[in-house]
Amino acid sequence: MKICEYFRSIQGEGLKIGVPTYFIRTAGCNLRCVWCDTTYAQEGGKETSVDEIMEAVDDTENVCVTGGEPLLQEDMPELIGRLLEADKEIVIETNGSVDISKIPKDERICISLDVKCPSSGMSERNLLSNLEHVGKKDMLKFVIGDKTDLNYAIRFIRENKTDTNVVFSAVGGMDLLLIAEEVVNRKLNVRVLPQLHKIIWGDKRSV
């Protein structure tokens, strides 16, 4: 498995924001989002065995598997299985363009499924069939860069009904106030969340 890095930190996004978490970041991605903040994970990486990864994770309860795009890794099913055997709570962050149907249906797994907005340059790569495989414990994540993105996200959730959580976040330094006010004014049932790790550590790569 190609690994970019693994480290212990605080979950900065999504339903488990603020929770101490062990991050496993794979290398390699099939998308090239304009505003990507982990370009260093798009290629390269070090070949690492699942055994090595499990030894590093040790007794950490919460694990986030991210990338790059982790579902491109052939050994990912083995890693997910080993994490479940170790009774870990797992968040799998995926970019929304890769089939998620084979991810195990387990209450300890939360799928964080990106829906790419227009400013990413990748909105045509959203795999809509993935919406059939997210449920109450999972989330759709929209990273919003401007008003066009915001309108796109609102239209998307209205046209594609799912029984899952919805998170609106912001690209880089975009003001969350605009997003929050639109969510309140339009009476949307979504979470508006910052990138907590960037508030705490700025653009530092990891802690």
N, C-alpha and C. Protein backbone atom coordinates (compact mmCIF):
# COMPACT_ATOMS: atom_id res chain seq x y z
N MET A 1 0.84 -1.19 0.00
CA MET A 1 0.00 0.00 0.00
C MET A 1 0.88 1.24 0.00
N LYS A 2 0.56 2.19 -0.87
CA LYS A 2 1.33 3.43 -0.93
C LYS A 2 0.81 4.41 0.13
N ILE A 3 1.69 4.74 1.07
CA ILE A 3 1.33 5.62 2.18
C ILE A 3 2.12 6.93 2.08
N CYS A 4 1.40 8.03 2.20
CA CYS A 4 2.04 9.34 2.22
C CYS A 4 2.55 9.66 3.63
N GLU A 5 1.69 9.41 4.63
CA GLU A 5 2.05 9.71 6.02
C GLU A 5 1.01 9.10 6.94
N TYR A 6 1.40 8.89 8.19
CA TYR A 6 0.40 8.61 9.22
C TYR A 6 0.84 9.30 10.49
N PHE A 7 -0.15 9.76 11.26
CA PHE A 7 0.13 10.61 12.41
C PHE A 7 -1.10 10.71 13.31
N ARG A 8 -0.88 11.10 14.55
CA ARG A 8 -1.97 11.31 15.51
C ARG A 8 -2.26 12.80 15.61
N SER A 9 -3.52 13.17 15.58
CA SER A 9 -3.90 14.58 15.65
C SER A 9 -5.34 14.70 16.14
N ILE A 10 -5.97 15.83 15.84
CA ILE A 10 -7.36 16.09 16.15
C ILE A 10 -8.14 16.08 14.83
N GLN A 11 -9.28 15.40 14.81
CA GLN A 11 -10.11 15.41 13.61
C GLN A 11 -10.59 16.84 13.35
N GLY A 12 -10.28 17.35 12.17
CA GLY A 12 -10.57 18.75 11.88
C GLY A 12 -11.85 18.97 11.12
N GLU A 13 -12.51 17.89 10.65
CA GLU A 13 -13.67 18.04 9.77
C GLU A 13 -14.73 17.00 10.10
N GLY A 14 -15.94 17.27 9.67
CA GLY A 14 -16.98 16.25 9.68
C GLY A 14 -17.61 15.97 11.03
N LEU A 15 -18.27 14.82 11.12
CA LEU A 15 -19.08 14.48 12.29
C LEU A 15 -18.26 14.28 13.54
N LYS A 16 -16.98 13.93 13.40
CA LYS A 16 -16.13 13.69 14.57
C LYS A 16 -15.14 14.83 14.78
N ILE A 17 -15.50 16.02 14.36
CA ILE A 17 -14.63 17.17 14.53
C ILE A 17 -14.24 17.33 16.00
N GLY A 18 -12.95 17.54 16.25
CA GLY A 18 -12.45 17.73 17.60
C GLY A 18 -12.00 16.48 18.31
N VAL A 19 -12.27 15.30 17.75
CA VAL A 19 -11.95 14.04 18.41
C VAL A 19 -10.50 13.63 18.11
N PRO A 20 -9.70 13.26 19.12
CA PRO A 20 -8.35 12.75 18.86
C PRO A 20 -8.43 11.53 17.93
N THR A 21 -7.59 11.54 16.90
CA THR A 21 -7.72 10.57 15.82
C THR A 21 -6.35 10.21 15.26
N TYR A 22 -6.19 8.96 14.84
CA TYR A 22 -4.99 8.56 14.12
C TYR A 22 -5.30 8.59 12.62
N PHE A 23 -4.48 9.33 11.87
CA PHE A 23 -4.71 9.52 10.43
C PHE A 23 -3.78 8.62 9.62
N ILE A 24 -4.36 7.94 8.65
CA ILE A 24 -3.60 7.16 7.68
C ILE A 24 -3.86 7.79 6.32
N ARG A 25 -2.86 8.47 5.77
CA ARG A 25 -3.03 9.16 4.49
C ARG A 25 -2.33 8.38 3.38
N THR A 26 -3.12 7.85 2.46
CA THR A 26 -2.56 7.12 1.33
C THR A 26 -2.06 8.10 0.26
N ALA A 27 -1.22 7.59 -0.62
CA ALA A 27 -0.69 8.41 -1.71
C ALA A 27 -1.35 7.99 -3.02
N GLY A 28 -1.58 8.98 -3.87
CA GLY A 28 -2.19 8.73 -5.16
C GLY A 28 -3.63 9.19 -5.19
N CYS A 29 -3.96 9.97 -6.23
CA CYS A 29 -5.32 10.46 -6.38
C CYS A 29 -5.66 10.54 -7.87
N ASN A 30 -6.91 10.22 -8.18
CA ASN A 30 -7.36 10.25 -9.57
C ASN A 30 -7.99 11.59 -9.95
N LEU A 31 -8.08 12.53 -8.99
CA LEU A 31 -8.61 13.86 -9.26
C LEU A 31 -7.53 14.90 -9.06
N ARG A 32 -7.77 16.09 -9.58
CA ARG A 32 -6.86 17.23 -9.40
C ARG A 32 -7.70 18.47 -9.10
N CYS A 33 -8.22 18.54 -7.89
CA CYS A 33 -9.05 19.67 -7.49
C CYS A 33 -8.20 20.95 -7.47
N VAL A 34 -8.77 22.02 -7.98
CA VAL A 34 -8.05 23.29 -8.09
C VAL A 34 -7.52 23.75 -6.74
N TRP A 35 -8.33 23.59 -5.70
CA TRP A 35 -7.97 24.12 -4.39
C TRP A 35 -7.41 23.07 -3.43
N CYS A 36 -7.00 21.91 -3.96
CA CYS A 36 -6.51 20.82 -3.12
C CYS A 36 -5.44 21.30 -2.14
N ASP A 37 -5.62 20.94 -0.85
CA ASP A 37 -4.64 21.36 0.16
C ASP A 37 -3.72 20.20 0.56
N THR A 38 -3.79 19.09 -0.15
CA THR A 38 -2.87 17.97 0.09
C THR A 38 -2.28 17.49 -1.23
N THR A 39 -1.78 18.43 -2.02
CA THR A 39 -1.20 18.07 -3.32
C THR A 39 -0.01 17.13 -3.17
N TYR A 40 0.65 17.19 -2.01
CA TYR A 40 1.80 16.32 -1.77
C TYR A 40 1.39 14.84 -1.71
N ALA A 41 0.08 14.56 -1.57
CA ALA A 41 -0.39 13.17 -1.51
C ALA A 41 -0.92 12.68 -2.85
N GLN A 42 -0.83 13.50 -3.88
CA GLN A 42 -1.40 13.09 -5.17
C GLN A 42 -0.59 12.01 -5.85
N GLU A 43 0.69 11.95 -5.56
CA GLU A 43 1.57 10.97 -6.18
C GLU A 43 2.59 10.49 -5.16
N GLY A 44 3.42 9.54 -5.57
CA GLY A 44 4.53 9.09 -4.73
C GLY A 44 4.07 8.17 -3.62
N GLY A 45 4.59 8.40 -2.43
CA GLY A 45 4.27 7.57 -1.28
C GLY A 45 5.29 6.47 -1.07
N LYS A 46 5.24 5.88 0.12
CA LYS A 46 6.15 4.79 0.49
C LYS A 46 5.36 3.50 0.60
N GLU A 47 5.88 2.44 -0.02
CA GLU A 47 5.22 1.14 0.08
C GLU A 47 5.28 0.68 1.54
N THR A 48 4.11 0.44 2.11
CA THR A 48 4.00 0.13 3.53
C THR A 48 3.03 -1.04 3.71
N SER A 49 3.40 -1.99 4.54
CA SER A 49 2.53 -3.15 4.75
C SER A 49 1.40 -2.81 5.72
N VAL A 50 0.32 -3.57 5.63
CA VAL A 50 -0.79 -3.39 6.56
C VAL A 50 -0.32 -3.66 7.99
N ASP A 51 0.58 -4.63 8.17
CA ASP A 51 1.13 -4.91 9.50
C ASP A 51 1.82 -3.69 10.09
N GLU A 52 2.62 -2.99 9.26
CA GLU A 52 3.32 -1.79 9.74
C GLU A 52 2.33 -0.71 10.15
N ILE A 53 1.28 -0.56 9.36
CA ILE A 53 0.28 0.46 9.66
C ILE A 53 -0.43 0.13 10.97
N MET A 54 -0.81 -1.12 11.15
CA MET A 54 -1.52 -1.52 12.36
C MET A 54 -0.65 -1.35 13.59
N GLU A 55 0.63 -1.59 13.46
CA GLU A 55 1.54 -1.39 14.59
C GLU A 55 1.61 0.08 14.98
N ALA A 56 1.57 0.96 13.97
CA ALA A 56 1.62 2.40 14.25
C ALA A 56 0.34 2.90 14.91
N VAL A 57 -0.79 2.35 14.47
CA VAL A 57 -2.09 2.79 15.01
C VAL A 57 -2.20 2.46 16.49
N ASP A 58 -1.65 1.36 16.93
CA ASP A 58 -1.65 0.86 18.31
C ASP A 58 -3.02 0.97 18.98
N ASP A 59 -3.12 1.68 20.12
CA ASP A 59 -4.36 1.66 20.91
C ASP A 59 -5.28 2.84 20.63
N THR A 60 -5.03 3.59 19.56
CA THR A 60 -5.90 4.72 19.23
C THR A 60 -7.29 4.21 18.85
N GLU A 61 -8.34 4.78 19.45
CA GLU A 61 -9.70 4.29 19.21
C GLU A 61 -10.24 4.74 17.86
N ASN A 62 -10.00 6.02 17.50
CA ASN A 62 -10.55 6.59 16.27
C ASN A 62 -9.48 6.68 15.20
N VAL A 63 -9.82 6.18 14.01
CA VAL A 63 -8.88 6.18 12.90
C VAL A 63 -9.56 6.81 11.69
N CYS A 64 -8.82 7.67 10.98
CA CYS A 64 -9.31 8.28 9.75
C CYS A 64 -8.42 7.82 8.60
N VAL A 65 -9.03 7.19 7.60
CA VAL A 65 -8.31 6.76 6.41
C VAL A 65 -8.61 7.78 5.31
N THR A 66 -7.58 8.44 4.82
CA THR A 66 -7.78 9.55 3.90
C THR A 66 -6.72 9.51 2.80
N GLY A 67 -6.60 10.56 2.03
CA GLY A 67 -5.63 10.54 0.94
C GLY A 67 -5.23 11.94 0.52
N GLY A 68 -4.85 12.06 -0.75
CA GLY A 68 -5.06 11.15 -1.86
C GLY A 68 -6.48 10.59 -1.90
N GLU A 69 -6.60 9.48 -2.60
CA GLU A 69 -7.86 8.74 -2.64
C GLU A 69 -7.62 7.33 -2.15
N PRO A 70 -8.01 7.04 -0.91
CA PRO A 70 -7.66 5.75 -0.30
C PRO A 70 -8.26 4.54 -1.00
N LEU A 71 -9.40 4.69 -1.65
CA LEU A 71 -10.05 3.53 -2.25
C LEU A 71 -9.36 3.07 -3.53
N LEU A 72 -8.33 3.80 -3.98
CA LEU A 72 -7.53 3.34 -5.11
C LEU A 72 -6.52 2.27 -4.70
N GLN A 73 -6.29 2.11 -3.40
CA GLN A 73 -5.29 1.18 -2.91
C GLN A 73 -5.83 -0.25 -2.89
N GLU A 74 -5.11 -1.17 -3.53
CA GLU A 74 -5.57 -2.56 -3.61
C GLU A 74 -5.68 -3.21 -2.25
N ASP A 75 -4.83 -2.81 -1.30
CA ASP A 75 -4.84 -3.41 0.03
C ASP A 75 -5.84 -2.77 0.97
N MET A 76 -6.64 -1.81 0.48
CA MET A 76 -7.55 -1.11 1.38
C MET A 76 -8.57 -2.04 2.05
N PRO A 77 -9.18 -3.02 1.33
CA PRO A 77 -10.10 -3.93 2.02
C PRO A 77 -9.43 -4.67 3.18
N GLU A 78 -8.17 -5.07 3.00
CA GLU A 78 -7.45 -5.75 4.09
C GLU A 78 -7.25 -4.81 5.27
N LEU A 79 -6.86 -3.57 4.99
CA LEU A 79 -6.64 -2.62 6.08
C LEU A 79 -7.94 -2.35 6.83
N ILE A 80 -9.02 -2.12 6.11
CA ILE A 80 -10.30 -1.87 6.77
C ILE A 80 -10.70 -3.07 7.62
N GLY A 81 -10.51 -4.26 7.09
CA GLY A 81 -10.84 -5.46 7.86
C GLY A 81 -10.01 -5.58 9.13
N ARG A 82 -8.73 -5.28 9.04
CA ARG A 82 -7.86 -5.35 10.22
C ARG A 82 -8.24 -4.29 11.25
N LEU A 83 -8.60 -3.11 10.80
CA LEU A 83 -9.03 -2.07 11.73
C LEU A 83 -10.32 -2.46 12.44
N LEU A 84 -11.23 -3.10 11.71
CA LEU A 84 -12.46 -3.57 12.35
C LEU A 84 -12.17 -4.69 13.35
N GLU A 85 -11.27 -5.58 13.00
CA GLU A 85 -10.89 -6.65 13.93
C GLU A 85 -10.32 -6.08 15.22
N ALA A 86 -9.64 -4.93 15.09
CA ALA A 86 -9.07 -4.27 16.27
C ALA A 86 -10.09 -3.37 16.96
N ASP A 87 -11.34 -3.40 16.49
CA ASP A 87 -12.46 -2.66 17.07
C ASP A 87 -12.23 -1.15 17.04
N LYS A 88 -11.70 -0.66 15.93
CA LYS A 88 -11.51 0.77 15.75
C LYS A 88 -12.79 1.42 15.22
N GLU A 89 -12.97 2.70 15.57
CA GLU A 89 -13.99 3.54 14.94
C GLU A 89 -13.32 4.20 13.74
N ILE A 90 -13.87 4.02 12.54
CA ILE A 90 -13.17 4.40 11.32
C ILE A 90 -13.96 5.44 10.53
N VAL A 91 -13.28 6.49 10.11
CA VAL A 91 -13.81 7.41 9.11
C VAL A 91 -13.03 7.19 7.83
N ILE A 92 -13.73 6.93 6.73
CA ILE A 92 -13.10 6.78 5.43
C ILE A 92 -13.46 7.99 4.59
N GLU A 93 -12.45 8.80 4.26
CA GLU A 93 -12.67 10.00 3.47
C GLU A 93 -12.37 9.69 2.01
N THR A 94 -13.39 9.84 1.15
CA THR A 94 -13.23 9.50 -0.25
C THR A 94 -13.73 10.65 -1.13
N ASN A 95 -13.15 10.80 -2.30
CA ASN A 95 -13.39 12.00 -3.10
C ASN A 95 -14.68 11.97 -3.92
N GLY A 96 -15.44 10.88 -3.84
CA GLY A 96 -16.74 10.83 -4.49
C GLY A 96 -16.73 10.35 -5.92
N SER A 97 -15.56 10.04 -6.46
CA SER A 97 -15.48 9.59 -7.86
C SER A 97 -15.22 8.10 -7.99
N VAL A 98 -15.04 7.42 -6.84
CA VAL A 98 -14.70 5.99 -6.82
C VAL A 98 -15.84 5.22 -6.15
N ASP A 99 -16.17 4.07 -6.69
CA ASP A 99 -17.27 3.25 -6.16
C ASP A 99 -17.03 2.89 -4.69
N ILE A 100 -18.04 3.16 -3.84
CA ILE A 100 -17.91 2.85 -2.41
C ILE A 100 -18.76 1.64 -2.02
N SER A 101 -19.36 0.96 -2.96
CA SER A 101 -20.34 -0.08 -2.64
C SER A 101 -19.74 -1.26 -1.88
N LYS A 102 -18.42 -1.48 -1.99
CA LYS A 102 -17.80 -2.63 -1.34
C LYS A 102 -17.26 -2.31 0.05
N ILE A 103 -17.41 -1.08 0.50
CA ILE A 103 -17.03 -0.76 1.88
C ILE A 103 -17.97 -1.52 2.80
N PRO A 104 -17.46 -2.24 3.80
CA PRO A 104 -18.33 -3.02 4.68
C PRO A 104 -19.41 -2.18 5.35
N LYS A 105 -20.61 -2.78 5.46
CA LYS A 105 -21.70 -2.13 6.19
C LYS A 105 -21.50 -2.43 7.67
N ASP A 106 -20.86 -1.54 8.37
CA ASP A 106 -20.54 -1.75 9.78
C ASP A 106 -20.76 -0.45 10.52
N GLU A 107 -21.37 -0.53 11.70
CA GLU A 107 -21.69 0.66 12.47
C GLU A 107 -20.45 1.43 12.91
N ARG A 108 -19.29 0.76 12.87
CA ARG A 108 -18.05 1.43 13.28
C ARG A 108 -17.41 2.19 12.13
N ILE A 109 -17.98 2.13 10.94
CA ILE A 109 -17.43 2.83 9.78
C ILE A 109 -18.33 4.01 9.42
N CYS A 110 -17.72 5.17 9.28
CA CYS A 110 -18.39 6.37 8.77
C CYS A 110 -17.75 6.73 7.44
N ILE A 111 -18.55 6.77 6.38
CA ILE A 111 -18.05 7.18 5.08
C ILE A 111 -18.25 8.68 4.93
N SER A 112 -17.16 9.40 4.69
CA SER A 112 -17.21 10.83 4.40
C SER A 112 -17.06 10.98 2.89
N LEU A 113 -18.19 11.18 2.22
CA LEU A 113 -18.23 11.19 0.76
C LEU A 113 -18.25 12.61 0.23
N ASP A 114 -17.19 13.00 -0.44
CA ASP A 114 -17.14 14.34 -1.05
C ASP A 114 -18.12 14.43 -2.22
N VAL A 115 -18.75 15.58 -2.32
CA VAL A 115 -19.45 15.96 -3.55
C VAL A 115 -18.72 17.19 -4.08
N LYS A 116 -18.06 17.04 -5.20
CA LYS A 116 -17.23 18.12 -5.72
C LYS A 116 -18.08 19.23 -6.33
N CYS A 117 -17.83 20.45 -5.88
CA CYS A 117 -18.52 21.63 -6.39
C CYS A 117 -17.76 22.21 -7.59
N PRO A 118 -18.38 23.12 -8.35
CA PRO A 118 -17.75 23.62 -9.59
C PRO A 118 -16.36 24.22 -9.41
N SER A 119 -16.09 24.93 -8.30
CA SER A 119 -14.79 25.58 -8.17
C SER A 119 -13.64 24.59 -8.07
N SER A 120 -13.95 23.33 -7.76
CA SER A 120 -12.91 22.30 -7.71
C SER A 120 -12.41 21.93 -9.10
N GLY A 121 -13.24 22.19 -10.12
CA GLY A 121 -12.93 21.75 -11.47
C GLY A 121 -13.21 20.28 -11.70
N MET A 122 -13.80 19.62 -10.70
CA MET A 122 -13.99 18.17 -10.77
C MET A 122 -15.45 17.77 -10.57
N SER A 123 -16.38 18.69 -10.67
CA SER A 123 -17.78 18.38 -10.36
C SER A 123 -18.38 17.35 -11.32
N GLU A 124 -17.83 17.24 -12.52
CA GLU A 124 -18.34 16.26 -13.48
C GLU A 124 -17.90 14.84 -13.14
N ARG A 125 -17.02 14.70 -12.15
CA ARG A 125 -16.52 13.37 -11.76
C ARG A 125 -17.30 12.76 -10.60
N ASN A 126 -18.30 13.48 -10.07
CA ASN A 126 -19.11 12.91 -8.99
C ASN A 126 -19.81 11.64 -9.47
N LEU A 127 -19.64 10.55 -8.72
CA LEU A 127 -20.28 9.28 -9.06
C LEU A 127 -21.59 9.18 -8.28
N LEU A 128 -22.68 9.50 -8.95
CA LEU A 128 -23.97 9.63 -8.26
C LEU A 128 -24.47 8.31 -7.69
N SER A 129 -24.05 7.19 -8.25
CA SER A 129 -24.47 5.89 -7.72
C SER A 129 -24.00 5.68 -6.28
N ASN A 130 -22.96 6.41 -5.87
CA ASN A 130 -22.48 6.29 -4.49
C ASN A 130 -23.53 6.73 -3.47
N LEU A 131 -24.44 7.59 -3.88
CA LEU A 131 -25.45 8.09 -2.95
C LEU A 131 -26.33 6.96 -2.42
N GLU A 132 -26.41 5.85 -3.14
CA GLU A 132 -27.20 4.71 -2.70
C GLU A 132 -26.55 3.98 -1.53
N HIS A 133 -25.29 4.29 -1.25
CA HIS A 133 -24.53 3.51 -0.26
C HIS A 133 -24.12 4.31 0.97
N VAL A 134 -24.74 5.45 1.19
CA VAL A 134 -24.50 6.23 2.41
C VAL A 134 -25.77 6.24 3.24
N GLY A 135 -25.59 6.21 4.58
CA GLY A 135 -26.74 6.14 5.47
C GLY A 135 -26.63 7.09 6.64
N LYS A 136 -27.36 6.80 7.69
CA LYS A 136 -27.48 7.71 8.83
C LYS A 136 -26.16 8.00 9.53
N LYS A 137 -25.21 7.07 9.49
CA LYS A 137 -23.94 7.25 10.18
C LYS A 137 -22.89 7.90 9.29
N ASP A 138 -23.21 8.14 8.02
CA ASP A 138 -22.25 8.66 7.06
C ASP A 138 -22.49 10.15 6.80
N MET A 139 -21.77 10.72 5.84
CA MET A 139 -21.96 12.14 5.53
C MET A 139 -21.57 12.44 4.09
N LEU A 140 -22.28 13.42 3.54
CA LEU A 140 -21.87 14.07 2.30
C LEU A 140 -21.16 15.35 2.68
N LYS A 141 -20.00 15.59 2.11
CA LYS A 141 -19.22 16.79 2.43
C LYS A 141 -19.07 17.65 1.19
N PHE A 142 -19.50 18.89 1.30
CA PHE A 142 -19.36 19.87 0.22
C PHE A 142 -18.33 20.91 0.66
N VAL A 143 -17.24 21.03 -0.11
CA VAL A 143 -16.25 22.08 0.14
C VAL A 143 -16.58 23.23 -0.79
N ILE A 144 -16.92 24.38 -0.19
CA ILE A 144 -17.53 25.49 -0.92
C ILE A 144 -16.55 26.65 -1.05
N GLY A 145 -16.35 27.09 -2.30
CA GLY A 145 -15.39 28.14 -2.56
C GLY A 145 -15.99 29.49 -2.90
N ASP A 146 -17.27 29.51 -3.31
CA ASP A 146 -17.90 30.77 -3.69
C ASP A 146 -19.41 30.58 -3.72
N LYS A 147 -20.13 31.62 -4.09
CA LYS A 147 -21.59 31.58 -4.10
C LYS A 147 -22.11 30.55 -5.13
N THR A 148 -21.40 30.41 -6.24
CA THR A 148 -21.80 29.42 -7.23
C THR A 148 -21.77 28.01 -6.63
N ASP A 149 -20.71 27.73 -5.90
CA ASP A 149 -20.60 26.43 -5.23
C ASP A 149 -21.73 26.24 -4.23
N LEU A 150 -22.03 27.29 -3.48
CA LEU A 150 -23.07 27.20 -2.47
C LEU A 150 -24.42 26.89 -3.11
N ASN A 151 -24.74 27.57 -4.18
CA ASN A 151 -25.99 27.30 -4.88
C ASN A 151 -26.00 25.89 -5.46
N TYR A 152 -24.86 25.45 -5.96
CA TYR A 152 -24.74 24.09 -6.50
C TYR A 152 -25.02 23.06 -5.40
N ALA A 153 -24.42 23.26 -4.22
CA ALA A 153 -24.59 22.32 -3.11
C ALA A 153 -26.04 22.27 -2.67
N ILE A 154 -26.67 23.43 -2.57
CA ILE A 154 -28.08 23.48 -2.14
C ILE A 154 -28.97 22.77 -3.16
N ARG A 155 -28.72 23.02 -4.44
CA ARG A 155 -29.50 22.36 -5.48
C ARG A 155 -29.27 20.85 -5.46
N PHE A 156 -28.03 20.45 -5.22
CA PHE A 156 -27.69 19.03 -5.22
C PHE A 156 -28.45 18.29 -4.14
N ILE A 157 -28.46 18.82 -2.92
CA ILE A 157 -29.13 18.09 -1.83
C ILE A 157 -30.64 18.10 -2.00
N ARG A 158 -31.16 19.09 -2.70
CA ARG A 158 -32.60 19.12 -2.94
C ARG A 158 -33.01 18.14 -4.04
N GLU A 159 -32.12 17.95 -5.01
CA GLU A 159 -32.43 17.07 -6.13
C GLU A 159 -32.04 15.61 -5.88
N ASN A 160 -31.16 15.39 -4.91
CA ASN A 160 -30.66 14.04 -4.62
C ASN A 160 -30.89 13.74 -3.14
N LYS A 161 -32.08 13.26 -2.83
CA LYS A 161 -32.44 13.00 -1.44
C LYS A 161 -31.70 11.78 -0.92
N THR A 162 -31.06 11.92 0.24
CA THR A 162 -30.38 10.80 0.89
C THR A 162 -30.69 10.85 2.38
N ASP A 163 -30.58 9.69 3.01
CA ASP A 163 -30.81 9.60 4.45
C ASP A 163 -29.46 9.63 5.16
N THR A 164 -28.74 10.75 4.98
CA THR A 164 -27.42 10.86 5.57
C THR A 164 -27.19 12.29 6.03
N ASN A 165 -26.07 12.51 6.71
CA ASN A 165 -25.70 13.83 7.19
C ASN A 165 -25.07 14.64 6.07
N VAL A 166 -25.27 15.95 6.11
CA VAL A 166 -24.69 16.85 5.10
C VAL A 166 -23.85 17.90 5.81
N VAL A 167 -22.63 18.07 5.33
CA VAL A 167 -21.69 19.03 5.90
C VAL A 167 -21.29 20.03 4.82
N PHE A 168 -21.42 21.31 5.13
CA PHE A 168 -20.90 22.39 4.29
C PHE A 168 -19.65 22.94 4.96
N SER A 169 -18.54 22.96 4.24
CA SER A 169 -17.30 23.55 4.72
C SER A 169 -16.84 24.57 3.70
N ALA A 170 -15.73 25.23 3.97
CA ALA A 170 -15.28 26.31 3.11
C ALA A 170 -13.86 26.07 2.62
N VAL A 171 -13.59 26.52 1.41
CA VAL A 171 -12.23 26.45 0.86
C VAL A 171 -11.36 27.49 1.55
N GLY A 172 -10.22 27.04 2.03
CA GLY A 172 -9.22 27.96 2.57
C GLY A 172 -9.79 29.01 3.49
N GLY A 173 -9.60 30.28 3.11
CA GLY A 173 -10.00 31.38 3.97
C GLY A 173 -11.38 31.93 3.69
N MET A 174 -12.20 31.23 2.89
CA MET A 174 -13.54 31.74 2.60
C MET A 174 -14.31 31.94 3.90
N ASP A 175 -15.05 33.03 3.99
CA ASP A 175 -15.81 33.37 5.17
C ASP A 175 -16.98 32.41 5.35
N LEU A 176 -17.02 31.73 6.49
CA LEU A 176 -18.12 30.82 6.77
C LEU A 176 -19.44 31.55 7.01
N LEU A 177 -19.36 32.86 7.23
CA LEU A 177 -20.57 33.63 7.52
C LEU A 177 -21.57 33.52 6.37
N LEU A 178 -21.11 33.65 5.14
CA LEU A 178 -21.99 33.55 3.98
C LEU A 178 -22.71 32.22 3.96
N ILE A 179 -21.96 31.14 4.18
CA ILE A 179 -22.55 29.80 4.17
C ILE A 179 -23.56 29.67 5.30
N ALA A 180 -23.17 30.09 6.49
CA ALA A 180 -24.05 29.96 7.65
C ALA A 180 -25.35 30.74 7.46
N GLU A 181 -25.25 31.95 6.95
CA GLU A 181 -26.46 32.77 6.77
C GLU A 181 -27.39 32.16 5.74
N GLU A 182 -26.84 31.60 4.66
CA GLU A 182 -27.66 30.96 3.65
C GLU A 182 -28.35 29.72 4.22
N VAL A 183 -27.62 28.94 5.02
CA VAL A 183 -28.19 27.74 5.63
C VAL A 183 -29.35 28.12 6.55
N VAL A 184 -29.15 29.17 7.36
CA VAL A 184 -30.21 29.60 8.28
C VAL A 184 -31.40 30.17 7.51
N ASN A 185 -31.12 31.05 6.55
CA ASN A 185 -32.20 31.71 5.81
C ASN A 185 -33.02 30.74 4.97
N ARG A 186 -32.35 29.72 4.44
CA ARG A 186 -33.06 28.76 3.58
C ARG A 186 -33.57 27.55 4.36
N LYS A 187 -33.35 27.57 5.67
CA LYS A 187 -33.85 26.51 6.56
C LYS A 187 -33.35 25.13 6.11
N LEU A 188 -32.04 25.06 5.87
CA LEU A 188 -31.44 23.81 5.42
C LEU A 188 -31.01 22.96 6.61
N ASN A 189 -31.21 21.66 6.50
CA ASN A 189 -30.81 20.75 7.56
C ASN A 189 -29.40 20.22 7.27
N VAL A 190 -28.42 21.12 7.40
CA VAL A 190 -27.03 20.75 7.16
C VAL A 190 -26.16 21.32 8.29
N ARG A 191 -24.97 20.74 8.43
CA ARG A 191 -24.00 21.26 9.38
C ARG A 191 -23.05 22.21 8.66
N VAL A 192 -22.75 23.36 9.26
CA VAL A 192 -21.74 24.28 8.74
C VAL A 192 -20.53 24.16 9.65
N LEU A 193 -19.42 23.67 9.11
CA LEU A 193 -18.25 23.39 9.94
C LEU A 193 -16.99 24.01 9.36
N PRO A 194 -16.12 24.51 10.23
CA PRO A 194 -14.81 24.99 9.78
C PRO A 194 -13.85 23.82 9.64
N GLN A 195 -12.66 24.09 9.15
CA GLN A 195 -11.57 23.12 9.20
C GLN A 195 -10.80 23.41 10.49
N LEU A 196 -11.15 22.68 11.54
CA LEU A 196 -10.64 22.97 12.87
C LEU A 196 -9.12 22.89 12.95
N HIS A 197 -8.53 21.93 12.26
CA HIS A 197 -7.09 21.75 12.32
C HIS A 197 -6.36 22.98 11.77
N LYS A 198 -6.97 23.67 10.80
CA LYS A 198 -6.33 24.86 10.26
C LYS A 198 -6.48 26.05 11.20
N ILE A 199 -7.54 26.08 11.95
CA ILE A 199 -7.70 27.12 12.98
C ILE A 199 -6.64 26.94 14.06
N ILE A 200 -6.38 25.69 14.42
CA ILE A 200 -5.42 25.40 15.49
C ILE A 200 -3.98 25.53 15.02
N TRP A 201 -3.64 24.89 13.89
CA TRP A 201 -2.25 24.78 13.45
C TRP A 201 -1.93 25.52 12.15
N GLY A 202 -2.90 26.19 11.57
CA GLY A 202 -2.66 26.83 10.29
C GLY A 202 -2.47 25.83 9.19
N ASP A 203 -1.54 26.07 8.28
CA ASP A 203 -1.31 25.17 7.16
C ASP A 203 -0.22 24.15 7.43
N LYS A 204 0.12 23.98 8.70
CA LYS A 204 1.12 22.97 9.06
C LYS A 204 0.66 21.60 8.58
N ARG A 205 1.57 20.84 8.01
CA ARG A 205 1.20 19.58 7.33
C ARG A 205 0.63 18.55 8.29
N SER A 206 1.20 18.33 9.45
CA SER A 206 0.68 17.40 10.44
C SER A 206 1.30 17.74 11.77
N VAL A 207 0.78 17.12 12.85
CA VAL A 207 1.31 17.39 14.19
C VAL A 207 1.90 16.14 14.79
